[in-house]
Amino acid sequence: MNQQVDPQQMEKLQKQQEQREQMEEMKKTILAQILTPEAKQRLANVKLVKQEKVEKIEIQLCTLAQQGKLQKQITEAELIQMLEGVEAKRQETKITFKRRKFSSDDDD
């Protein structure tokens, strides 16, 4: 089944992709300025395993940098503390199953 792609919709998707690429490039530039080499390496290592966690930290770091709240580069130790803080904030979800007994269950 061939579907025609609306040129306006295609242009809109292309612009969105360009914006995402620009944001990613800006994020990389900011992180390169505010992280020590060891912290950058740590972040890259963690990103291989826990991408969502790292994305939250990256956004948080970029926001702090843009607001001018960072006075110096973030060290590896400080980054580890931030990573642990994100993990601590995550809530555990507990699911409990309650099985109802039916009259047919008594025959077992």
Protein backbone atom coordinates (compact mmCIF):
# COMPACT_ATOMS: atom_id res chain seq x y z
CA MET A 1 0.00 0.00 0.00
CA ASN A 2 1.59 3.26 -1.13
CA GLN A 3 0.86 6.29 0.97
CA GLN A 4 1.61 9.73 -0.30
CA VAL A 5 3.65 11.86 2.05
CA ASP A 6 2.40 15.40 2.46
CA PRO A 7 5.24 17.80 1.55
CA GLN A 8 4.31 20.11 4.43
CA GLN A 9 4.35 17.22 6.88
CA MET A 10 7.70 16.05 5.51
CA GLU A 11 9.13 19.56 5.90
CA LYS A 12 7.81 19.75 9.46
CA LEU A 13 9.43 16.41 10.35
CA GLN A 14 12.68 17.55 8.79
CA LYS A 15 12.66 20.76 10.85
CA GLN A 16 11.97 18.80 14.02
CA GLN A 17 14.91 16.51 13.25
CA GLU A 18 17.16 19.51 12.66
CA GLN A 19 16.07 21.03 15.97
CA ARG A 20 16.82 17.77 17.80
CA GLU A 21 20.26 17.66 16.21
CA GLN A 22 20.95 21.28 17.17
CA MET A 23 19.85 20.62 20.76
CA GLU A 24 22.05 17.53 20.94
CA GLU A 25 25.02 19.47 19.61
CA MET A 26 24.42 22.29 22.08
CA LYS A 27 24.16 19.76 24.92
CA LYS A 28 27.46 18.15 23.90
CA THR A 29 29.16 21.55 23.79
CA ILE A 30 27.89 22.53 27.23
CA LEU A 31 28.84 19.17 28.76
CA ALA A 32 32.33 19.40 27.26
CA GLN A 33 32.79 22.74 29.03
CA ILE A 34 31.38 21.82 32.43
CA LEU A 35 32.68 18.26 32.95
CA THR A 36 36.21 17.17 33.73
CA PRO A 37 37.62 14.50 31.37
CA GLU A 38 37.10 11.84 34.06
CA ALA A 39 33.49 12.91 34.58
CA LYS A 40 32.85 12.84 30.81
CA GLN A 41 34.23 9.30 30.65
CA ARG A 42 32.12 8.20 33.62
CA LEU A 43 29.00 9.66 32.01
CA ALA A 44 29.75 7.87 28.73
CA ASN A 45 30.26 4.57 30.57
CA VAL A 46 27.01 4.87 32.52
CA LYS A 47 25.15 5.90 29.36
CA LEU A 48 25.93 2.51 27.83
CA VAL A 49 23.91 0.84 30.58
CA LYS A 50 21.43 3.44 31.87
CA GLN A 51 20.64 5.84 29.05
CA GLU A 52 17.52 7.37 30.65
CA LYS A 53 19.37 8.12 33.86
CA VAL A 54 22.20 9.84 31.99
CA GLU A 55 19.78 11.88 29.89
CA LYS A 56 18.18 13.24 33.08
CA ILE A 57 21.60 14.17 34.46
CA GLU A 58 22.64 15.78 31.17
CA ILE A 59 19.50 17.92 31.11
CA GLN A 60 20.02 18.86 34.75
CA LEU A 61 23.66 19.82 34.14
CA CYS A 62 22.83 21.86 31.04
CA THR A 63 20.09 23.70 32.91
CA LEU A 64 22.45 24.52 35.80
CA ALA A 65 25.09 25.74 33.35
CA GLN A 66 22.63 27.92 31.44
CA GLN A 67 21.39 29.44 34.69
CA GLY A 68 24.96 30.23 35.70
CA LYS A 69 24.79 28.10 38.84
CA LEU A 70 28.00 26.18 38.12
CA GLN A 71 31.12 27.94 39.34
CA LYS A 72 33.58 25.23 38.29
CA GLN A 73 33.78 22.03 36.32
CA ILE A 74 31.92 19.01 37.66
CA THR A 75 34.32 16.32 38.88
CA GLU A 76 33.82 12.60 38.64
CA ALA A 77 33.01 12.39 42.37
CA GLU A 78 30.35 15.12 42.05
CA LEU A 79 28.89 13.36 39.03
CA ILE A 80 28.68 10.09 40.96
CA GLN A 81 26.76 11.89 43.71
CA MET A 82 24.34 13.26 41.12
CA LEU A 83 23.86 9.82 39.59
CA GLU A 84 23.18 8.31 43.00
CA GLY A 85 20.72 11.12 43.73
CA VAL A 86 18.73 10.35 40.60
CA GLU A 87 18.60 6.68 41.61
CA ALA A 88 17.41 7.57 45.12
CA LYS A 89 14.60 9.73 43.77
CA ARG A 90 13.26 6.89 41.66
CA GLN A 91 10.28 5.35 43.35
CA GLU A 92 9.86 1.65 43.70
CA THR A 93 6.61 0.30 42.34
CA LYS A 94 5.08 -2.52 44.29
CA ILE A 95 2.39 -4.69 42.78
CA THR A 96 0.38 -7.01 44.99
CA PHE A 97 -1.88 -9.67 43.59
CA LYS A 98 -4.86 -10.73 45.65
CA ARG A 99 -6.46 -13.89 44.46
CA ARG A 100 -10.09 -14.35 45.18
CA LYS A 101 -11.29 -17.78 46.11
CA PHE A 102 -14.21 -19.14 44.19
CA SER A 103 -16.36 -22.08 45.13
CA SER A 104 -14.73 -24.12 42.33
CA ASP A 105 -11.31 -23.63 44.03
CA ASP A 106 -12.38 -25.73 47.03
CA ASP A 107 -12.49 -28.89 44.93
CA ASP A 108 -8.72 -28.91 44.37
